[in-house]
Structure formats: structure tokens, C-alpha cells
Amino acid sequence: MKKRIAVILMGIVMLFAFAACGGEGGKKSNKLRGTYKEVGTFATGSITFSSDTNMTLTVLGAKIQGTYELKGDKLTLHYSLLGVKTDPTYTFSKEGNSIYLNGTEYRKE
């Protein structure tokens, strides 16, 4: 009987251990850190992801700081431009050293 209780308790402990290691409940790095420059246009735009939540947009030399959220295939940027809060959402994908926002390629420097 004691062995049976020990086995059941060990199974419960293992179940909690596996639940803590997997899933999306814990914070994970999304590995976007770095600067990505727009490819194939005359624009000089880039996005620098400095942490798992902070980013800086650079457009024509102007730097705009803000935050971002990456959920599945959606990337939402949060920043203020001339005092107006802006939260654009893009369709996101990553391939090698490039990310794609609504189909526009940004390559990691």
C-alpha cells in the first residue's frame, strides 16, 4: 500500500514538473533581439528589439522608442508619435536572419 501511494505521489509531482517546464505560462525569450533593416526600398527604416518588450523604430534618422508584443503571427508595436499613441499590428513571420512584417522584409544586421 505504501508503494502504491508513493507511486501516485511521484506521478503527481512529475505532472507538475512537466507543466512548469512547458506551455506558454512562463516567460520565454522570443529571440528577436537585434536591429533589423528594411530590405529592397529607398527608405532607411529599421527596428531594434532591445529586450523581450522594448523596441526602437528608426525612420529617416528619427528614433521612436516604444514597446512591442509578439503573439503567434501578430506583432503589435506600441509607441507615441507627436503625442499620439499608435498601436499598429502586423502579420509577422521569421525566416533565418529576416523578419517579415506584412510581407516587407527586414534583415538582421
PDB file of N, CA and C in Angstrom:
ATOM      1  N   MET A   1       0.809  -1.191   0.000  1.00  0.00           N
ATOM      2  CA  MET A   1       0.000   0.000   0.000  1.00  0.00           C
ATOM      3  C   MET A   1       0.861   1.267   0.000  1.00  0.00           C
ATOM      4  N   LYS A   2       1.947   1.233   0.780  1.00  0.00           N
ATOM      5  CA  LYS A   2       2.824   2.394   0.831  1.00  0.00           C
ATOM      6  C   LYS A   2       3.475   2.655  -0.529  1.00  0.00           C
ATOM      7  N   LYS A   3       3.831   1.590  -1.216  1.00  0.00           N
ATOM      8  CA  LYS A   3       4.438   1.750  -2.547  1.00  0.00           C
ATOM      9  C   LYS A   3       3.449   2.382  -3.516  1.00  0.00           C
ATOM     10  N   ARG A   4       2.220   1.954  -3.446  1.00  0.00           N
ATOM     11  CA  ARG A   4       1.187   2.486  -4.349  1.00  0.00           C
ATOM     12  C   ARG A   4       0.994   3.994  -4.105  1.00  0.00           C
ATOM     13  N   ILE A   5       0.949   4.420  -2.853  1.00  0.00           N
ATOM     14  CA  ILE A   5       0.813   5.842  -2.518  1.00  0.00           C
ATOM     15  C   ILE A   5       2.040   6.610  -2.997  1.00  0.00           C
ATOM     16  N   ALA A   6       3.222   6.034  -2.801  1.00  0.00           N
ATOM     17  CA  ALA A   6       4.455   6.693  -3.238  1.00  0.00           C
ATOM     18  C   ALA A   6       4.474   6.864  -4.756  1.00  0.00           C
ATOM     19  N   VAL A   7       4.032   5.862  -5.489  1.00  0.00           N
ATOM     20  CA  VAL A   7       3.994   5.941  -6.951  1.00  0.00           C
ATOM     21  C   VAL A   7       3.005   7.015  -7.400  1.00  0.00           C
ATOM     22  N   ILE A   8       1.851   7.070  -6.769  1.00  0.00           N
ATOM     23  CA  ILE A   8       0.850   8.082  -7.122  1.00  0.00           C
ATOM     24  C   ILE A   8       1.386   9.479  -6.829  1.00  0.00           C
ATOM     25  N   LEU A   9       1.990   9.678  -5.665  1.00  0.00           N
ATOM     26  CA  LEU A   9       2.556  10.983  -5.323  1.00  0.00           C
ATOM     27  C   LEU A   9       3.673  11.383  -6.293  1.00  0.00           C
ATOM     28  N   MET A  10       4.512  10.431  -6.649  1.00  0.00           N
ATOM     29  CA  MET A  10       5.600  10.720  -7.596  1.00  0.00           C
ATOM     30  C   MET A  10       5.022  11.100  -8.966  1.00  0.00           C
ATOM     31  N   GLY A  11       3.969  10.444  -9.362  1.00  0.00           N
ATOM     32  CA  GLY A  11       3.314  10.780 -10.632  1.00  0.00           C
ATOM     33  C   GLY A  11       2.748  12.192 -10.617  1.00  0.00           C
ATOM     34  N   ILE A  12       2.148  12.595  -9.503  1.00  0.00           N
ATOM     35  CA  ILE A  12       1.608  13.951  -9.379  1.00  0.00           C
ATOM     36  C   ILE A  12       2.734  14.972  -9.428  1.00  0.00           C
ATOM     37  N   VAL A  13       3.834  14.703  -8.726  1.00  0.00           N
ATOM     38  CA  VAL A  13       4.976  15.614  -8.733  1.00  0.00           C
ATOM     39  C   VAL A  13       5.536  15.748 -10.153  1.00  0.00           C
ATOM     40  N   MET A  14       5.647  14.646 -10.872  1.00  0.00           N
ATOM     41  CA  MET A  14       6.164  14.692 -12.246  1.00  0.00           C
ATOM     42  C   MET A  14       5.222  15.483 -13.152  1.00  0.00           C
ATOM     43  N   LEU A  15       3.927  15.317 -12.954  1.00  0.00           N
ATOM     44  CA  LEU A  15       2.950  16.052 -13.751  1.00  0.00           C
ATOM     45  C   LEU A  15       3.132  17.562 -13.579  1.00  0.00           C
ATOM     46  N   PHE A  16       3.285  18.021 -12.325  1.00  0.00           N
ATOM     47  CA  PHE A  16       3.506  19.444 -12.070  1.00  0.00           C
ATOM     48  C   PHE A  16       4.840  19.910 -12.633  1.00  0.00           C
ATOM     49  N   ALA A  17       5.862  19.074 -12.562  1.00  0.00           N
ATOM     50  CA  ALA A  17       7.168  19.450 -13.100  1.00  0.00           C
ATOM     51  C   ALA A  17       7.095  19.639 -14.613  1.00  0.00           C
ATOM     52  N   PHE A  18       6.412  18.753 -15.315  1.00  0.00           N
ATOM     53  CA  PHE A  18       6.275  18.889 -16.768  1.00  0.00           C
ATOM     54  C   PHE A  18       5.427  20.101 -17.130  1.00  0.00           C
ATOM     55  N   ALA A  19       4.396  20.386 -16.363  1.00  0.00           N
ATOM     56  CA  ALA A  19       3.548  21.547 -16.634  1.00  0.00           C
ATOM     57  C   ALA A  19       4.334  22.840 -16.452  1.00  0.00           C
ATOM     58  N   ALA A  20       5.227  22.885 -15.484  1.00  0.00           N
ATOM     59  CA  ALA A  20       6.017  24.096 -15.236  1.00  0.00           C
ATOM     60  C   ALA A  20       7.049  24.323 -16.331  1.00  0.00           C
ATOM     61  N   CYS A  21       7.566  23.271 -16.919  1.00  0.00           N
ATOM     62  CA  CYS A  21       8.600  23.413 -17.953  1.00  0.00           C
ATOM     63  C   CYS A  21       8.026  23.794 -19.312  1.00  0.00           C
ATOM     64  N   GLY A  22       6.846  23.355 -19.606  1.00  0.00           N
ATOM     65  CA  GLY A  22       6.302  23.582 -20.945  1.00  0.00           C
ATOM     66  C   GLY A  22       5.230  24.632 -20.941  1.00  0.00           C
ATOM     67  N   GLY A  23       4.524  24.727 -22.057  1.00  0.00           N
ATOM     68  CA  GLY A  23       3.410  25.655 -22.157  1.00  0.00           C
ATOM     69  C   GLY A  23       3.860  27.078 -22.358  1.00  0.00           C
ATOM     70  N   GLU A  24       2.878  27.993 -22.332  1.00  0.00           N
ATOM     71  CA  GLU A  24       3.176  29.383 -22.581  1.00  0.00           C
ATOM     72  C   GLU A  24       3.005  30.233 -21.337  1.00  0.00           C
ATOM     73  N   GLY A  25       2.808  29.584 -20.178  1.00  0.00           N
ATOM     74  CA  GLY A  25       2.621  30.338 -18.961  1.00  0.00           C
ATOM     75  C   GLY A  25       3.871  31.064 -18.516  1.00  0.00           C
ATOM     76  N   GLY A  26       5.050  30.455 -18.683  1.00  0.00           N
ATOM     77  CA  GLY A  26       6.290  31.090 -18.284  1.00  0.00           C
ATOM     78  C   GLY A  26       6.773  32.070 -19.330  1.00  0.00           C
ATOM     79  N   LYS A  27       7.634  32.995 -18.889  1.00  0.00           N
ATOM     80  CA  LYS A  27       8.155  33.970 -19.840  1.00  0.00           C
ATOM     81  C   LYS A  27       9.270  33.323 -20.632  1.00  0.00           C
ATOM     82  N   LYS A  28       9.191  33.435 -21.949  1.00  0.00           N
ATOM     83  CA  LYS A  28      10.206  32.901 -22.839  1.00  0.00           C
ATOM     84  C   LYS A  28      10.766  34.033 -23.663  1.00  0.00           C
ATOM     85  N   SER A  29      12.034  33.937 -23.995  1.00  0.00           N
ATOM     86  CA  SER A  29      12.622  34.928 -24.885  1.00  0.00           C
ATOM     87  C   SER A  29      12.134  34.645 -26.294  1.00  0.00           C
ATOM     88  N   ASN A  30      11.768  35.685 -27.017  1.00  0.00           N
ATOM     89  CA  ASN A  30      11.301  35.473 -28.378  1.00  0.00           C
ATOM     90  C   ASN A  30      12.441  35.580 -29.377  1.00  0.00           C
ATOM     91  N   LYS A  31      13.646  35.854 -28.880  1.00  0.00           N
ATOM     92  CA  LYS A  31      14.869  35.845 -29.691  1.00  0.00           C
ATOM     93  C   LYS A  31      14.821  36.806 -30.874  1.00  0.00           C
ATOM     94  N   LEU A  32      14.144  37.928 -30.730  1.00  0.00           N
ATOM     95  CA  LEU A  32      14.141  38.939 -31.779  1.00  0.00           C
ATOM     96  C   LEU A  32      15.228  39.978 -31.553  1.00  0.00           C
ATOM     97  N   ARG A  33      15.906  39.930 -30.453  1.00  0.00           N
ATOM     98  CA  ARG A  33      16.862  40.970 -30.103  1.00  0.00           C
ATOM     99  C   ARG A  33      17.834  41.242 -31.246  1.00  0.00           C
ATOM    100  N   GLY A  34      18.032  42.533 -31.493  1.00  0.00           N
ATOM    101  CA  GLY A  34      18.932  42.965 -32.550  1.00  0.00           C
ATOM    102  C   GLY A  34      18.258  44.023 -33.409  1.00  0.00           C
ATOM    103  N   THR A  35      18.991  44.488 -34.412  1.00  0.00           N
ATOM    104  CA  THR A  35      18.477  45.513 -35.321  1.00  0.00           C
ATOM    105  C   THR A  35      18.182  44.891 -36.670  1.00  0.00           C
ATOM    106  N   TYR A  36      16.999  45.170 -37.187  1.00  0.00           N
ATOM    107  CA  TYR A  36      16.548  44.663 -38.481  1.00  0.00           C
ATOM    108  C   TYR A  36      16.302  45.853 -39.404  1.00  0.00           C
ATOM    109  N   LYS A  37      16.990  45.862 -40.556  1.00  0.00           N
ATOM    110  CA  LYS A  37      16.821  46.954 -41.529  1.00  0.00           C
ATOM    111  C   LYS A  37      15.916  46.512 -42.664  1.00  0.00           C
ATOM    112  N   GLU A  38      15.102  47.459 -43.119  1.00  0.00           N
ATOM    113  CA  GLU A  38      14.201  47.193 -44.231  1.00  0.00           C
ATOM    114  C   GLU A  38      15.019  46.879 -45.486  1.00  0.00           C
ATOM    115  N   VAL A  39      14.571  45.897 -46.250  1.00  0.00           N
ATOM    116  CA  VAL A  39      15.291  45.433 -47.439  1.00  0.00           C
ATOM    117  C   VAL A  39      14.539  45.840 -48.694  1.00  0.00           C
ATOM    118  N   GLY A  40      15.267  46.289 -49.702  1.00  0.00           N
ATOM    119  CA  GLY A  40      14.691  46.488 -51.019  1.00  0.00           C
ATOM    120  C   GLY A  40      13.890  47.745 -51.226  1.00  0.00           C
ATOM    121  N   THR A  41      14.080  48.747 -50.388  1.00  0.00           N
ATOM    122  CA  THR A  41      13.374  50.008 -50.597  1.00  0.00           C
ATOM    123  C   THR A  41      14.358  51.151 -50.440  1.00  0.00           C
ATOM    124  N   PHE A  42      13.917  52.341 -50.799  1.00  0.00           N
ATOM    125  CA  PHE A  42      14.754  53.519 -50.627  1.00  0.00           C
ATOM    126  C   PHE A  42      14.660  54.048 -49.200  1.00  0.00           C
ATOM    127  N   ALA A  43      13.683  53.578 -48.448  1.00  0.00           N
ATOM    128  CA  ALA A  43      13.522  54.020 -47.067  1.00  0.00           C
ATOM    129  C   ALA A  43      14.693  53.518 -46.228  1.00  0.00           C
ATOM    130  N   THR A  44      14.999  54.255 -45.199  1.00  0.00           N
ATOM    131  CA  THR A  44      16.091  53.858 -44.314  1.00  0.00           C
ATOM    132  C   THR A  44      15.541  53.398 -42.975  1.00  0.00           C
ATOM    133  N   GLY A  45      14.447  52.676 -43.005  1.00  0.00           N
ATOM    134  CA  GLY A  45      13.793  52.244 -41.779  1.00  0.00           C
ATOM    135  C   GLY A  45      14.446  51.028 -41.161  1.00  0.00           C
ATOM    136  N   SER A  46      14.432  50.996 -39.824  1.00  0.00           N
ATOM    137  CA  SER A  46      14.911  49.827 -39.097  1.00  0.00           C
ATOM    138  C   SER A  46      14.157  49.718 -37.781  1.00  0.00           C
ATOM    139  N   ILE A  47      14.194  48.530 -37.217  1.00  0.00           N
ATOM    140  CA  ILE A  47      13.596  48.270 -35.917  1.00  0.00           C
ATOM    141  C   ILE A  47      14.649  47.578 -35.074  1.00  0.00           C
ATOM    142  N   THR A  48      14.887  48.116 -33.869  1.00  0.00           N
ATOM    143  CA  THR A  48      15.813  47.494 -32.931  1.00  0.00           C
ATOM    144  C   THR A  48      15.012  46.946 -31.763  1.00  0.00           C
ATOM    145  N   PHE A  49      15.113  45.638 -31.557  1.00  0.00           N
ATOM    146  CA  PHE A  49      14.466  44.975 -30.431  1.00  0.00           C
ATOM    147  C   PHE A  49      15.533  44.821 -29.350  1.00  0.00           C
ATOM    148  N   SER A  50      15.433  45.622 -28.276  1.00  0.00           N
ATOM    149  CA  SER A  50      16.484  45.637 -27.259  1.00  0.00           C
ATOM    150  C   SER A  50      16.216  44.672 -26.106  1.00  0.00           C
ATOM    151  N   SER A  51      15.000  44.207 -25.992  1.00  0.00           N
ATOM    152  CA  SER A  51      14.642  43.224 -24.969  1.00  0.00           C
ATOM    153  C   SER A  51      13.409  42.469 -25.467  1.00  0.00           C
ATOM    154  N   ASP A  52      12.790  41.716 -24.579  1.00  0.00           N
ATOM    155  CA  ASP A  52      11.590  40.971 -24.969  1.00  0.00           C
ATOM    156  C   ASP A  52      10.355  41.856 -25.040  1.00  0.00           C
ATOM    157  N   THR A  53      10.497  43.143 -24.676  1.00  0.00           N
ATOM    158  CA  THR A  53       9.341  44.044 -24.741  1.00  0.00           C
ATOM    159  C   THR A  53       9.671  45.419 -25.310  1.00  0.00           C
ATOM    160  N   ASN A  54      10.926  45.836 -25.311  1.00  0.00           N
ATOM    161  CA  ASN A  54      11.291  47.186 -25.748  1.00  0.00           C
ATOM    162  C   ASN A  54      11.843  47.200 -27.158  1.00  0.00           C
ATOM    163  N   MET A  55      11.504  48.262 -27.895  1.00  0.00           N
ATOM    164  CA  MET A  55      11.975  48.402 -29.263  1.00  0.00           C
ATOM    165  C   MET A  55      12.165  49.879 -29.594  1.00  0.00           C
ATOM    166  N   THR A  56      12.952  50.124 -30.651  1.00  0.00           N
ATOM    167  CA  THR A  56      13.157  51.470 -31.163  1.00  0.00           C
ATOM    168  C   THR A  56      12.986  51.422 -32.675  1.00  0.00           C
ATOM    169  N   LEU A  57      12.107  52.264 -33.185  1.00  0.00           N
ATOM    170  CA  LEU A  57      11.945  52.425 -34.631  1.00  0.00           C
ATOM    171  C   LEU A  57      12.870  53.550 -35.078  1.00  0.00           C
ATOM    172  N   THR A  58      13.549  53.372 -36.187  1.00  0.00           N
ATOM    173  CA  THR A  58      14.353  54.442 -36.766  1.00  0.00           C
ATOM    174  C   THR A  58      13.842  54.672 -38.176  1.00  0.00           C
ATOM    175  N   VAL A  59      13.341  55.886 -38.423  1.00  0.00           N
ATOM    176  CA  VAL A  59      12.788  56.232 -39.729  1.00  0.00           C
ATOM    177  C   VAL A  59      13.377  57.570 -40.137  1.00  0.00           C
ATOM    178  N   LEU A  60      14.101  57.570 -41.252  1.00  0.00           N
ATOM    179  CA  LEU A  60      14.739  58.786 -41.755  1.00  0.00           C
ATOM    180  C   LEU A  60      15.561  59.476 -40.679  1.00  0.00           C
ATOM    181  N   GLY A  61      16.258  58.690 -39.880  1.00  0.00           N
ATOM    182  CA  GLY A  61      17.134  59.223 -38.841  1.00  0.00           C
ATOM    183  C   GLY A  61      16.454  59.512 -37.518  1.00  0.00           C
ATOM    184  N   ALA A  62      15.138  59.567 -37.472  1.00  0.00           N
ATOM    185  CA  ALA A  62      14.410  59.831 -36.229  1.00  0.00           C
ATOM    186  C   ALA A  62      14.215  58.521 -35.468  1.00  0.00           C
ATOM    187  N   LYS A  63      14.480  58.557 -34.161  1.00  0.00           N
ATOM    188  CA  LYS A  63      14.314  57.370 -33.322  1.00  0.00           C
ATOM    189  C   LYS A  63      13.052  57.508 -32.481  1.00  0.00           C
ATOM    190  N   ILE A  64      12.232  56.473 -32.531  1.00  0.00           N
ATOM    191  CA  ILE A  64      10.973  56.441 -31.784  1.00  0.00           C
ATOM    192  C   ILE A  64      11.015  55.219 -30.885  1.00  0.00           C
ATOM    193  N   GLN A  65      10.970  55.439 -29.577  1.00  0.00           N
ATOM    194  CA  GLN A  65      11.032  54.330 -28.641  1.00  0.00           C
ATOM    195  C   GLN A  65       9.635  53.887 -28.232  1.00  0.00           C
ATOM    196  N   GLY A  66       9.529  52.594 -27.975  1.00  0.00           N
ATOM    197  CA  GLY A  66       8.250  52.045 -27.552  1.00  0.00           C
ATOM    198  C   GLY A  66       8.410  50.612 -27.090  1.00  0.00           C
ATOM    199  N   THR A  67       7.301  49.912 -27.085  1.00  0.00           N
ATOM    200  CA  THR A  67       7.295  48.506 -26.693  1.00  0.00           C
ATOM    201  C   THR A  67       6.624  47.693 -27.797  1.00  0.00           C
ATOM    202  N   TYR A  68       6.676  46.381 -27.650  1.00  0.00           N
ATOM    203  CA  TYR A  68       6.033  45.504 -28.632  1.00  0.00           C
ATOM    204  C   TYR A  68       5.553  44.231 -27.969  1.00  0.00           C
ATOM    205  N   GLU A  69       4.611  43.579 -28.651  1.00  0.00           N
ATOM    206  CA  GLU A  69       4.095  42.276 -28.235  1.00  0.00           C
ATOM    207  C   GLU A  69       4.100  41.360 -29.441  1.00  0.00           C
ATOM    208  N   LEU A  70       4.605  40.164 -29.266  1.00  0.00           N
ATOM    209  CA  LEU A  70       4.581  39.158 -30.322  1.00  0.00           C
ATOM    210  C   LEU A  70       3.724  38.004 -29.841  1.00  0.00           C
ATOM    211  N   LYS A  71       2.570  37.808 -30.520  1.00  0.00           N
ATOM    212  CA  LYS A  71       1.653  36.718 -30.179  1.00  0.00           C
ATOM    213  C   LYS A  71       1.375  35.936 -31.448  1.00  0.00           C
ATOM    214  N   GLY A  72       1.964  34.752 -31.517  1.00  0.00           N
ATOM    215  CA  GLY A  72       1.772  33.922 -32.710  1.00  0.00           C
ATOM    216  C   GLY A  72       2.329  34.609 -33.929  1.00  0.00           C
ATOM    217  N   ASP A  73       1.474  34.871 -34.922  1.00  0.00           N
ATOM    218  CA  ASP A  73       1.938  35.513 -36.152  1.00  0.00           C
ATOM    219  C   ASP A  73       1.554  36.989 -36.201  1.00  0.00           C
ATOM    220  N   LYS A  74       1.308  37.593 -35.043  1.00  0.00           N
ATOM    221  CA  LYS A  74       0.953  39.017 -34.975  1.00  0.00           C
ATOM    222  C   LYS A  74       1.969  39.770 -34.115  1.00  0.00           C
ATOM    223  N   LEU A  75       2.517  40.846 -34.658  1.00  0.00           N
ATOM    224  CA  LEU A  75       3.436  41.721 -33.941  1.00  0.00           C
ATOM    225  C   LEU A  75       2.763  43.077 -33.799  1.00  0.00           C
ATOM    226  N   THR A  76       2.569  43.520 -32.556  1.00  0.00           N
ATOM    227  CA  THR A  76       1.966  44.821 -32.298  1.00  0.00           C
ATOM    228  C   THR A  76       3.015  45.737 -31.696  1.00  0.00           C
ATOM    229  N   LEU A  77       3.189  46.901 -32.298  1.00  0.00           N
ATOM    230  CA  LEU A  77       4.105  47.912 -31.797  1.00  0.00           C
ATOM    231  C   LEU A  77       3.298  48.949 -31.031  1.00  0.00           C
ATOM    232  N   HIS A  78       3.853  49.440 -29.937  1.00  0.00           N
ATOM    233  CA  HIS A  78       3.202  50.462 -29.122  1.00  0.00           C
ATOM    234  C   HIS A  78       4.170  51.629 -28.989  1.00  0.00           C
ATOM    235  N   TYR A  79       3.787  52.802 -29.505  1.00  0.00           N
ATOM    236  CA  TYR A  79       4.638  53.987 -29.396  1.00  0.00           C
ATOM    237  C   TYR A  79       3.786  55.237 -29.580  1.00  0.00           C
ATOM    238  N   SER A  80       4.381  56.378 -29.249  1.00  0.00           N
ATOM    239  CA  SER A  80       3.713  57.664 -29.444  1.00  0.00           C
ATOM    240  C   SER A  80       4.461  58.438 -30.512  1.00  0.00           C
ATOM    241  N   LEU A  81       3.704  59.020 -31.410  1.00  0.00           N
ATOM    242  CA  LEU A  81       4.274  59.822 -32.485  1.00  0.00           C
ATOM    243  C   LEU A  81       3.612  61.189 -32.434  1.00  0.00           C
ATOM    244  N   LEU A  82       4.403  62.200 -32.104  1.00  0.00           N
ATOM    245  CA  LEU A  82       3.904  63.572 -31.943  1.00  0.00           C
ATOM    246  C   LEU A  82       2.765  63.628 -30.926  1.00  0.00           C
ATOM    247  N   GLY A  83       2.920  62.862 -29.852  1.00  0.00           N
ATOM    248  CA  GLY A  83       1.933  62.857 -28.780  1.00  0.00           C
ATOM    249  C   GLY A  83       0.724  61.983 -29.012  1.00  0.00           C
ATOM    250  N   VAL A  84       0.664  61.326 -30.164  1.00  0.00           N
ATOM    251  CA  VAL A  84      -0.475  60.461 -30.486  1.00  0.00           C
ATOM    252  C   VAL A  84      -0.052  59.003 -30.292  1.00  0.00           C
ATOM    253  N   LYS A  85      -0.759  58.301 -29.409  1.00  0.00           N
ATOM    254  CA  LYS A  85      -0.469  56.888 -29.159  1.00  0.00           C
ATOM    255  C   LYS A  85      -0.842  56.065 -30.388  1.00  0.00           C
ATOM    256  N   THR A  86       0.082  55.219 -30.811  1.00  0.00           N
ATOM    257  CA  THR A  86      -0.110  54.401 -32.004  1.00  0.00           C
ATOM    258  C   THR A  86       0.185  52.943 -31.668  1.00  0.00           C
ATOM    259  N   ASP A  87      -0.661  52.030 -32.146  1.00  0.00           N
ATOM    260  CA  ASP A  87      -0.503  50.604 -31.873  1.00  0.00           C
ATOM    261  C   ASP A  87      -0.740  49.771 -33.130  1.00  0.00           C
ATOM    262  N   PRO A  88       0.105  49.917 -34.150  1.00  0.00           N
ATOM    263  CA  PRO A  88      -0.122  49.122 -35.362  1.00  0.00           C
ATOM    264  C   PRO A  88       0.192  47.641 -35.134  1.00  0.00           C
ATOM    265  N   THR A  89      -0.583  46.793 -35.787  1.00  0.00           N
ATOM    266  CA  THR A  89      -0.368  45.346 -35.719  1.00  0.00           C
ATOM    267  C   THR A  89      -0.017  44.840 -37.114  1.00  0.00           C
ATOM    268  N   TYR A  90       1.009  43.997 -37.185  1.00  0.00           N
ATOM    269  CA  TYR A  90       1.497  43.461 -38.452  1.00  0.00           C
ATOM    270  C   TYR A  90       1.413  41.940 -38.434  1.00  0.00           C
ATOM    271  N   THR A  91       1.220  41.361 -39.612  1.00  0.00           N
ATOM    272  CA  THR A  91       1.376  39.922 -39.758  1.00  0.00           C
ATOM    273  C   THR A  91       2.872  39.661 -39.730  1.00  0.00           C
ATOM    274  N   PHE A  92       3.311  38.763 -38.866  1.00  0.00           N
ATOM    275  CA  PHE A  92       4.729  38.540 -38.591  1.00  0.00           C
ATOM    276  C   PHE A  92       5.146  37.128 -38.988  1.00  0.00           C
ATOM    277  N   SER A  93       6.340  37.032 -39.555  1.00  0.00           N
ATOM    278  CA  SER A  93       6.980  35.730 -39.738  1.00  0.00           C
ATOM    279  C   SER A  93       8.487  35.933 -39.677  1.00  0.00           C
ATOM    280  N   LYS A  94       9.194  34.865 -39.393  1.00  0.00           N
ATOM    281  CA  LYS A  94      10.649  34.918 -39.293  1.00  0.00           C
ATOM    282  C   LYS A  94      11.234  33.781 -40.103  1.00  0.00           C
ATOM    283  N   GLU A  95      12.276  34.107 -40.861  1.00  0.00           N
ATOM    284  CA  GLU A  95      12.938  33.111 -41.695  1.00  0.00           C
ATOM    285  C   GLU A  95      14.431  33.415 -41.691  1.00  0.00           C
ATOM    286  N   GLY A  96      15.216  32.580 -41.037  1.00  0.00           N
ATOM    287  CA  GLY A  96      16.655  32.824 -40.956  1.00  0.00           C
ATOM    288  C   GLY A  96      16.939  34.135 -40.236  1.00  0.00           C
ATOM    289  N   ASN A  97      17.724  35.017 -40.889  1.00  0.00           N
ATOM    290  CA  ASN A  97      18.070  36.314 -40.311  1.00  0.00           C
ATOM    291  C   ASN A  97      17.081  37.410 -40.702  1.00  0.00           C
ATOM    292  N   SER A  98      15.969  37.053 -41.267  1.00  0.00           N
ATOM    293  CA  SER A  98      14.993  38.048 -41.706  1.00  0.00           C
ATOM    294  C   SER A  98      13.674  37.872 -40.976  1.00  0.00           C
ATOM    295  N   ILE A  99      13.016  39.028 -40.734  1.00  0.00           N
ATOM    296  CA  ILE A  99      11.642  39.008 -40.269  1.00  0.00           C
ATOM    297  C   ILE A  99      10.806  39.677 -41.355  1.00  0.00           C
ATOM    298  N   TYR A 100       9.536  39.334 -41.403  1.00  0.00           N
ATOM    299  CA  TYR A 100       8.621  39.898 -42.401  1.00  0.00           C
ATOM    300  C   TYR A 100       7.429  40.511 -41.673  1.00  0.00           C
ATOM    301  N   LEU A 101       7.186  41.788 -41.942  1.00  0.00           N
ATOM    302  CA  LEU A 101       6.036  42.494 -41.384  1.00  0.00           C
ATOM    303  C   LEU A 101       5.116  42.850 -42.534  1.00  0.00           C
ATOM    304  N   ASN A 102       3.961  42.220 -42.573  1.00  0.00           N
ATOM    305  CA  ASN A 102       3.015  42.370 -43.693  1.00  0.00           C
ATOM    306  C   ASN A 102       3.705  42.130 -45.033  1.00  0.00           C
ATOM    307  N   GLY A 103       4.631  41.176 -45.049  1.00  0.00           N
ATOM    308  CA  GLY A 103       5.313  40.820 -46.284  1.00  0.00           C
ATOM    309  C   GLY A 103       6.574  41.627 -46.582  1.00  0.00           C
ATOM    310  N   THR A 104       6.840  42.702 -45.851  1.00  0.00           N
ATOM    311  CA  THR A 104       8.034  43.503 -46.072  1.00  0.00           C
ATOM    312  C   THR A 104       9.187  42.883 -45.286  1.00  0.00           C
ATOM    313  N   GLU A 105      10.297  42.663 -45.958  1.00  0.00           N
ATOM    314  CA  GLU A 105      11.446  42.021 -45.321  1.00  0.00           C
ATOM    315  C   GLU A 105      12.305  43.025 -44.565  1.00  0.00           C
ATOM    316  N   TYR A 106      12.701  42.624 -43.359  1.00  0.00           N
ATOM    317  CA  TYR A 106      13.664  43.344 -42.538  1.00  0.00           C
ATOM    318  C   TYR A 106      14.761  42.345 -42.188  1.00  0.00           C
ATOM    319  N   ARG A 107      16.004  42.643 -42.553  1.00  0.00           N
ATOM    320  CA  ARG A 107      17.107  41.697 -42.351  1.00  0.00           C
ATOM    321  C   ARG A 107      17.943  42.140 -41.154  1.00  0.00           C
ATOM    322  N   LYS A 108      18.329  41.172 -40.327  1.00  0.00           N
ATOM    323  CA  LYS A 108      19.124  41.447 -39.141  1.00  0.00           C
ATOM    324  C   LYS A 108      20.530  41.871 -39.537  1.00  0.00           C
ATOM    325  N   GLU A 109      20.983  42.944 -38.905  1.00  0.00           N
ATOM    326  CA  GLU A 109      22.344  43.443 -39.187  1.00  0.00           C
ATOM    327  C   GLU A 109      23.377  42.585 -38.509  1.00  0.00           C
TER     328      GLU A 109
END
